[in-house]
C-alpha cells in the first residue's frame, strides 16, 4: 500500500501544482532521512554489536545519502528502510523530468507509460547491473497503479453508484484478508505486483470510498491527520524505538505469555506515535517551513528580475 498510496498522492500533487515538484519532494524527504542515517552511523560506531547487517564505509555513506541502491556484503543502505526511499526518489525524478518535457498531465501520463515499459522490457531482458535490476522491479508498477487510481477516482468519484461503492468496499476487505495471508505464506519476489500490488490497489480504493463518511469536525479526525503528518517520522524511527524498549525495558520482565506480548505491542505503538509526533512538530515541520520559505523567496526574486528585464 505504501507505493500505491505514494503514486496516488504524487499524481494528486502534480495535478494541483507542478512548480518545483522535485525540490519540494527533496525538502520533505531528505532532512529527516539524512538525520536518521547519521544517527545510525553514530550508533554503529559506538555500539557495532547492535547491528547485524549494517556496513559503514565511505561508499555506503555516499550511496545511502544519494539514494543509490547498493549491496555490500548483504547490506545496504545504512538506514535499512532507505531502500523504499530509493524507489521514491527514482519515481520523483522520473516525474520531474517528464513534466518538465511535456507539461503537467501529459508529462505525468508519459512518466507512467515509460515506467511501465521500462519494467516490462527489463522483465523480458533482465539487466545484470544491480541498479537497473533494482529500479526495474515490479514495485514500480505499484506507483503506476496508484497514479492511475487517482485519475480514475478524480474522474468518477461523484458519479459512482451505490452498488459500485459496495463492490469496492467488499473488494477492499477481501484484499486486506488476502494480503495478510499472502504476506505470511508466500515469498513475493517473483510475483509481487500480482500478490501485493493489485490487492493493495483494491484496498486503497476501498479506503477512498469510505472517505466521505469521515466527520472532519471530530477530534478523532484531527488526531488521525496529525498521525498522518507524523507518519514519515514514524516510519524512519519505529525500529529504533521498538528495539530499544524490547532490549532495555521489556526483556527485564522475562515473560512470554500472550497478555504480556499484547501489552508490549500496544505500549511500543503508543510510544512510537508519541515520539513521531514530537519529531514532526519540533524537527520536520520547522525545517520544512524554513526550506519552503527560502524556496519561495528565491522564486520571488527570480520573478522580480524577469519582470524588471521586461
Protein backbone atom coordinates (compact mmCIF):
# COMPACT_ATOMS: atom_id res chain seq x y z
CA UNK A 1 0.00 0.00 0.00
CA UNK A 2 2.94 2.31 0.70
CA UNK A 3 3.82 2.56 -3.00
CA UNK A 4 0.23 2.58 -4.30
CA UNK A 5 -0.62 5.48 -1.98
CA UNK A 6 2.57 7.28 -2.98
CA UNK A 7 1.64 7.02 -6.67
CA UNK A 8 -1.84 8.36 -5.89
CA UNK A 9 -0.58 11.30 -3.82
CA UNK A 10 2.21 12.32 -6.22
CA UNK A 11 -0.25 12.40 -9.11
CA UNK A 12 -2.62 14.49 -6.99
CA UNK A 13 0.21 16.92 -6.13
CA UNK A 14 1.25 17.31 -9.78
CA UNK A 15 -2.37 17.92 -10.81
CA UNK A 16 -2.60 20.77 -8.28
CA UNK A 17 0.81 22.41 -8.64
CA UNK A 18 3.78 21.13 -10.63
CA UNK A 19 6.07 24.07 -9.76
CA UNK A 20 9.41 22.99 -8.24
CA UNK A 21 7.99 19.49 -7.75
CA UNK A 22 11.33 17.76 -7.24
CA UNK A 23 12.69 20.37 -4.85
CA UNK A 24 9.57 20.20 -2.70
CA UNK A 25 9.83 16.41 -2.52
CA UNK A 26 13.51 16.67 -1.57
CA UNK A 27 12.85 19.04 1.33
CA UNK A 28 10.13 16.66 2.52
CA UNK A 29 12.26 13.50 2.35
CA UNK A 30 15.93 14.42 2.77
CA UNK A 31 16.32 16.26 6.13
CA UNK A 32 14.94 13.53 8.38
CA UNK A 33 16.40 10.72 6.26
CA UNK A 34 19.87 12.25 6.46
CA UNK A 35 19.43 12.82 10.19
CA UNK A 36 18.44 9.18 10.81
CA UNK A 37 21.23 7.92 8.55
CA UNK A 38 23.88 9.85 10.51
CA UNK A 39 22.21 8.73 13.74
CA UNK A 40 22.61 5.11 12.57
CA UNK A 41 26.26 5.71 11.66
CA UNK A 42 26.90 7.21 15.10
CA UNK A 43 25.26 4.29 16.89
CA UNK A 44 27.17 1.84 14.72
CA UNK A 45 30.49 3.46 15.61
CA UNK A 46 29.61 3.44 19.31
CA UNK A 47 27.96 0.00 19.50
CA UNK A 48 28.63 -2.08 16.37
CA UNK A 49 27.35 -5.23 18.12
CA UNK A 50 23.84 -3.76 17.97
CA UNK A 51 23.84 -4.05 14.18
CA UNK A 52 23.89 -7.40 12.41
CA UNK A 53 23.52 -6.34 8.78
CA UNK A 54 24.90 -2.80 8.62
CA UNK A 55 28.16 -1.99 6.85
CA UNK A 56 29.52 1.55 7.29
CA UNK A 57 32.07 2.59 4.69
CA UNK A 58 32.61 5.85 2.77
CA UNK A 59 30.99 4.20 -0.27
CA UNK A 60 27.99 3.07 1.78
CA UNK A 61 27.53 6.55 3.29
CA UNK A 62 27.74 8.33 -0.08
CA UNK A 63 25.39 5.92 -1.84
CA UNK A 64 22.93 5.99 1.05
CA UNK A 65 22.80 9.79 1.01
CA UNK A 66 22.46 9.94 -2.78
CA UNK A 67 19.70 7.29 -2.87
CA UNK A 68 21.79 4.94 -5.00
CA UNK A 69 20.87 1.27 -4.49
CA UNK A 70 23.77 -0.98 -3.48
CA UNK A 71 24.67 -4.19 -1.69
CA UNK A 72 27.88 -4.53 0.31
CA UNK A 73 28.15 -7.94 2.00
CA UNK A 74 24.38 -8.18 2.08
CA UNK A 75 23.98 -4.67 3.49
CA UNK A 76 22.53 -1.51 2.03
CA UNK A 77 21.50 1.21 2.57
CA UNK A 78 22.83 2.18 6.03
CA UNK A 79 19.35 3.02 7.27
CA UNK A 80 17.77 -0.22 6.07
CA UNK A 81 14.35 1.35 5.46
CA UNK A 82 16.02 3.60 2.91
CA UNK A 83 15.50 1.00 0.17
CA UNK A 84 11.92 2.23 -0.16
CA UNK A 85 13.11 5.83 -0.42
CA UNK A 86 15.42 4.82 -3.27
CA UNK A 87 12.29 3.83 -5.18
CA UNK A 88 10.53 7.02 -4.09
CA UNK A 89 13.32 9.29 -5.30
CA UNK A 90 13.52 7.41 -8.60
CA UNK A 91 9.78 7.95 -9.04
CA UNK A 92 10.06 11.65 -8.14
CA UNK A 93 12.97 12.19 -10.54
CA UNK A 94 11.12 10.47 -13.40
CA UNK A 95 8.05 12.62 -12.75
CA UNK A 96 10.12 15.82 -12.61
CA UNK A 97 11.86 15.07 -15.92
CA UNK A 98 8.60 14.08 -17.63
CA UNK A 99 6.59 17.13 -16.58
CA UNK A 100 9.49 19.44 -17.46
CA UNK A 101 9.45 17.98 -21.00
CA UNK A 102 5.73 17.52 -21.63
CA UNK A 103 3.92 19.67 -19.08
CA UNK A 104 1.53 18.76 -16.30
CA UNK A 105 -0.93 15.97 -17.16
CA UNK A 106 0.72 14.83 -20.41
CA UNK A 107 4.05 14.64 -18.59
CA UNK A 108 2.58 12.53 -15.82
CA UNK A 109 0.96 10.13 -18.30
CA UNK A 110 4.23 9.91 -20.23
CA UNK A 111 6.04 9.13 -16.98
CA UNK A 112 3.65 6.27 -16.16
CA UNK A 113 3.90 4.79 -19.66
CA UNK A 114 7.71 4.99 -19.68
CA UNK A 115 7.98 3.38 -16.25
CA UNK A 116 5.64 0.55 -17.25
CA UNK A 117 7.58 -0.10 -20.48
CA UNK A 118 10.87 0.05 -18.57
CA UNK A 119 9.70 -2.64 -16.12
CA UNK A 120 8.24 -4.78 -18.91
CA UNK A 121 11.41 -4.66 -21.02
CA UNK A 122 13.62 -5.45 -18.03
CA UNK A 123 11.39 -8.40 -17.12
CA UNK A 124 11.87 -9.79 -20.64
CA UNK A 125 15.57 -8.92 -20.77
CA UNK A 126 16.77 -8.92 -17.13
CA UNK A 127 19.63 -6.45 -16.60
CA UNK A 128 22.85 -7.60 -14.97
CA UNK A 129 23.58 -4.19 -13.44
CA UNK A 130 22.36 -4.09 -9.82
CA UNK A 131 20.97 -0.54 -10.01
CA UNK A 132 18.96 -1.25 -13.17
CA UNK A 133 17.74 -4.54 -11.73
CA UNK A 134 16.66 -2.76 -8.55
CA UNK A 135 14.74 0.02 -10.27
CA UNK A 136 13.08 -2.32 -12.77
CA UNK A 137 11.39 -4.37 -10.06
CA UNK A 138 7.62 -4.79 -10.20
CA UNK A 139 7.35 -2.42 -7.22
CA UNK A 140 7.43 0.40 -9.80
CA UNK A 141 4.10 -0.88 -11.14
CA UNK A 142 2.57 -0.18 -7.72
CA UNK A 143 3.38 3.53 -8.14
CA UNK A 144 1.85 3.38 -11.62
CA UNK A 145 -1.28 1.66 -10.30
CA UNK A 146 -1.71 4.30 -7.59
CA UNK A 147 -1.35 7.08 -10.15
CA UNK A 148 -4.00 5.62 -12.46
CA UNK A 149 -6.24 5.11 -9.44
CA UNK A 150 -6.07 8.87 -8.87
CA UNK A 151 -7.14 9.64 -12.45
CA UNK A 152 -9.97 7.10 -12.23
CA UNK A 153 -11.12 8.37 -8.84
CA UNK A 154 -10.82 12.03 -9.76
CA UNK A 155 -12.95 11.50 -12.86
CA UNK A 156 -15.66 9.27 -11.35
CA UNK A 157 -15.82 10.00 -7.62
CA UNK A 158 -19.07 11.99 -7.96
CA UNK A 159 -20.81 9.50 -10.24
CA UNK A 160 -20.22 6.16 -8.53
CA UNK A 161 -23.37 4.13 -7.92
CA UNK A 162 -24.17 2.65 -4.52
CA UNK A 163 -23.56 -0.85 -5.92
CA UNK A 164 -20.14 0.14 -7.23
CA UNK A 165 -19.20 1.58 -3.85
CA UNK A 166 -20.27 -1.59 -2.04
CA UNK A 167 -18.36 -3.77 -4.50
CA UNK A 168 -15.30 -1.57 -3.96
CA UNK A 169 -15.57 -1.87 -0.17
CA UNK A 170 -16.02 -5.65 -0.29
CA UNK A 171 -13.04 -6.00 -2.63
CA UNK A 172 -11.04 -3.90 -0.18
CA UNK A 173 -11.93 -6.12 2.78
CA UNK A 174 -11.18 -9.30 0.81
CA UNK A 175 -7.88 -7.77 -0.35
CA UNK A 176 -6.88 -6.98 3.22
CA UNK A 177 -7.51 -10.60 4.24
CA UNK A 178 -5.65 -11.83 1.15
CA UNK A 179 -2.67 -9.55 1.87
CA UNK A 180 -2.36 -10.84 5.44
CA UNK A 181 -2.45 -14.47 4.30
CA UNK A 182 -0.11 -13.85 1.36
CA UNK A 183 2.42 -11.99 3.49
CA UNK A 184 2.53 -14.94 5.88
CA UNK A 185 2.80 -17.78 3.38
CA UNK A 186 4.41 -16.53 0.18
CA UNK A 187 7.70 -15.01 -0.96
CA UNK A 188 6.64 -12.16 -3.28
CA UNK A 189 9.97 -11.82 -5.09
CA UNK A 190 8.76 -13.19 -8.44
CA UNK A 191 5.16 -12.05 -8.47
CA UNK A 192 4.99 -9.15 -6.03
CA UNK A 193 2.74 -6.94 -8.12
CA UNK A 194 0.12 -9.69 -8.55
CA UNK A 195 0.25 -10.88 -4.94
CA UNK A 196 0.57 -7.50 -3.23
CA UNK A 197 0.21 -4.65 -5.72
CA UNK A 198 -3.27 -5.40 -7.08
CA UNK A 199 -4.83 -6.22 -3.66
CA UNK A 200 -3.24 -3.02 -2.29
CA UNK A 201 -4.85 -1.12 -5.15
CA UNK A 202 -8.29 -2.53 -4.23
CA UNK A 203 -7.70 -1.77 -0.55
CA UNK A 204 -6.68 1.83 -1.28
CA UNK A 205 -9.74 2.22 -3.50
CA UNK A 206 -11.97 0.92 -0.69
CA UNK A 207 -10.45 3.48 1.70
CA UNK A 208 -11.30 6.24 -0.78
CA UNK A 209 -14.89 5.04 -0.92
CA UNK A 210 -15.41 5.48 2.81
CA UNK A 211 -13.59 8.84 2.93
CA UNK A 212 -16.84 10.77 2.63
CA UNK A 213 -18.16 9.21 5.82
CA UNK A 214 -15.40 10.77 7.94
CA UNK A 215 -16.57 13.65 10.15
CA UNK A 216 -13.80 16.24 9.90
CA UNK A 217 -15.19 18.17 12.90
CA UNK A 218 -14.46 15.38 15.36
CA UNK A 219 -11.29 15.25 17.45
CA UNK A 220 -10.56 11.78 16.08
CA UNK A 221 -10.16 13.30 12.61
CA UNK A 222 -7.60 15.91 13.68
CA UNK A 223 -5.70 13.25 15.63
CA UNK A 224 -5.64 10.99 12.56
CA UNK A 225 -4.37 13.90 10.43
CA UNK A 226 -1.62 14.59 12.97
CA UNK A 227 -0.58 10.94 12.92
CA UNK A 228 -0.64 11.06 9.11
CA UNK A 229 1.61 14.14 9.12
CA UNK A 230 3.93 12.30 11.52
CA UNK A 231 3.90 9.06 9.55
CA UNK A 232 7.23 9.69 7.78
CA UNK A 233 8.97 10.19 11.12
CA UNK A 234 7.09 7.14 12.40
CA UNK A 235 8.38 5.07 9.51
CA UNK A 236 12.04 6.04 9.86
CA UNK A 237 12.25 5.88 13.66
CA UNK A 238 10.00 2.99 14.69
CA UNK A 239 12.67 0.22 14.50
CA UNK A 240 14.95 2.14 16.88
CA UNK A 241 12.16 2.81 19.37
CA UNK A 242 10.80 -0.74 19.28
CA UNK A 243 14.18 -2.44 19.65
CA UNK A 244 15.26 -0.02 22.38
CA UNK A 245 12.22 -0.79 24.53
CA UNK A 246 12.31 -4.52 23.87
CA UNK A 247 16.01 -4.78 24.74
CA UNK A 248 16.23 -2.23 27.53
CA UNK A 249 12.82 -2.47 29.20
CA UNK A 250 10.62 -5.43 28.35
CA UNK A 251 13.29 -8.12 28.45
CA UNK A 252 13.70 -7.43 32.19
CA UNK A 253 10.19 -8.79 32.84
CA UNK A 254 11.12 -12.26 31.49
CA UNK A 255 7.56 -13.06 30.47
CA UNK A 256 6.34 -14.57 27.22
CA UNK A 257 2.60 -15.05 27.82
CA UNK A 258 0.09 -13.68 25.32
CA UNK A 259 -1.18 -10.89 27.58
CA UNK A 260 2.35 -9.59 28.14
CA UNK A 261 3.14 -9.70 24.43
CA UNK A 262 -0.03 -7.77 23.61
CA UNK A 263 0.80 -5.20 26.30
CA UNK A 264 4.31 -4.90 24.87
CA UNK A 265 2.86 -4.34 21.40
CA UNK A 266 0.34 -1.67 22.49
CA UNK A 267 2.82 0.21 24.69
CA UNK A 268 5.51 0.34 21.99
CA UNK A 269 2.95 1.51 19.41
CA UNK A 270 1.85 4.35 21.69
CA UNK A 271 5.47 5.36 22.34
CA UNK A 272 6.27 5.24 18.61
CA UNK A 273 3.30 7.52 17.87
CA UNK A 274 4.25 9.97 20.62
CA UNK A 275 7.93 10.18 19.60
CA UNK A 276 6.95 10.56 15.94
CA UNK A 277 4.65 13.48 16.71
CA UNK A 278 7.40 15.17 18.74
CA UNK A 279 9.91 14.73 15.89
CA UNK A 280 7.40 16.03 13.34
CA UNK A 281 6.46 19.12 15.36
CA UNK A 282 9.93 20.03 16.63
CA UNK A 283 12.16 18.97 13.74
CA UNK A 284 10.39 18.13 10.48
CA UNK A 285 7.82 20.92 10.42
CA UNK A 286 10.21 23.79 11.34
CA UNK A 287 12.87 22.57 8.90
CA UNK A 288 10.38 22.20 6.05
CA UNK A 289 8.91 25.62 6.81
CA UNK A 290 12.34 27.29 6.60
CA UNK A 291 13.31 25.47 3.40
CA UNK A 292 9.96 26.25 1.74
CA UNK A 293 10.28 29.90 2.76
CA UNK A 294 13.77 30.02 1.27
CA UNK A 295 12.42 28.46 -1.93
CA UNK A 296 9.51 30.90 -2.22
CA UNK A 297 11.83 33.87 -1.63
CA UNK A 298 14.16 32.56 -4.35
CA UNK A 299 11.31 32.25 -6.85
CA UNK A 300 10.02 35.73 -5.95
CA UNK A 301 13.48 37.23 -6.60
CA UNK A 302 13.73 35.42 -9.93
CA UNK A 303 10.27 36.66 -10.97
CA UNK A 304 11.21 40.21 -9.94
CA UNK A 305 14.36 40.06 -12.06
CA UNK A 306 12.41 38.75 -15.08
CA UNK A 307 9.77 41.47 -14.65
CA UNK A 308 12.43 44.18 -14.36
CA UNK A 309 14.09 42.97 -17.58
CA UNK A 310 10.77 43.06 -19.41
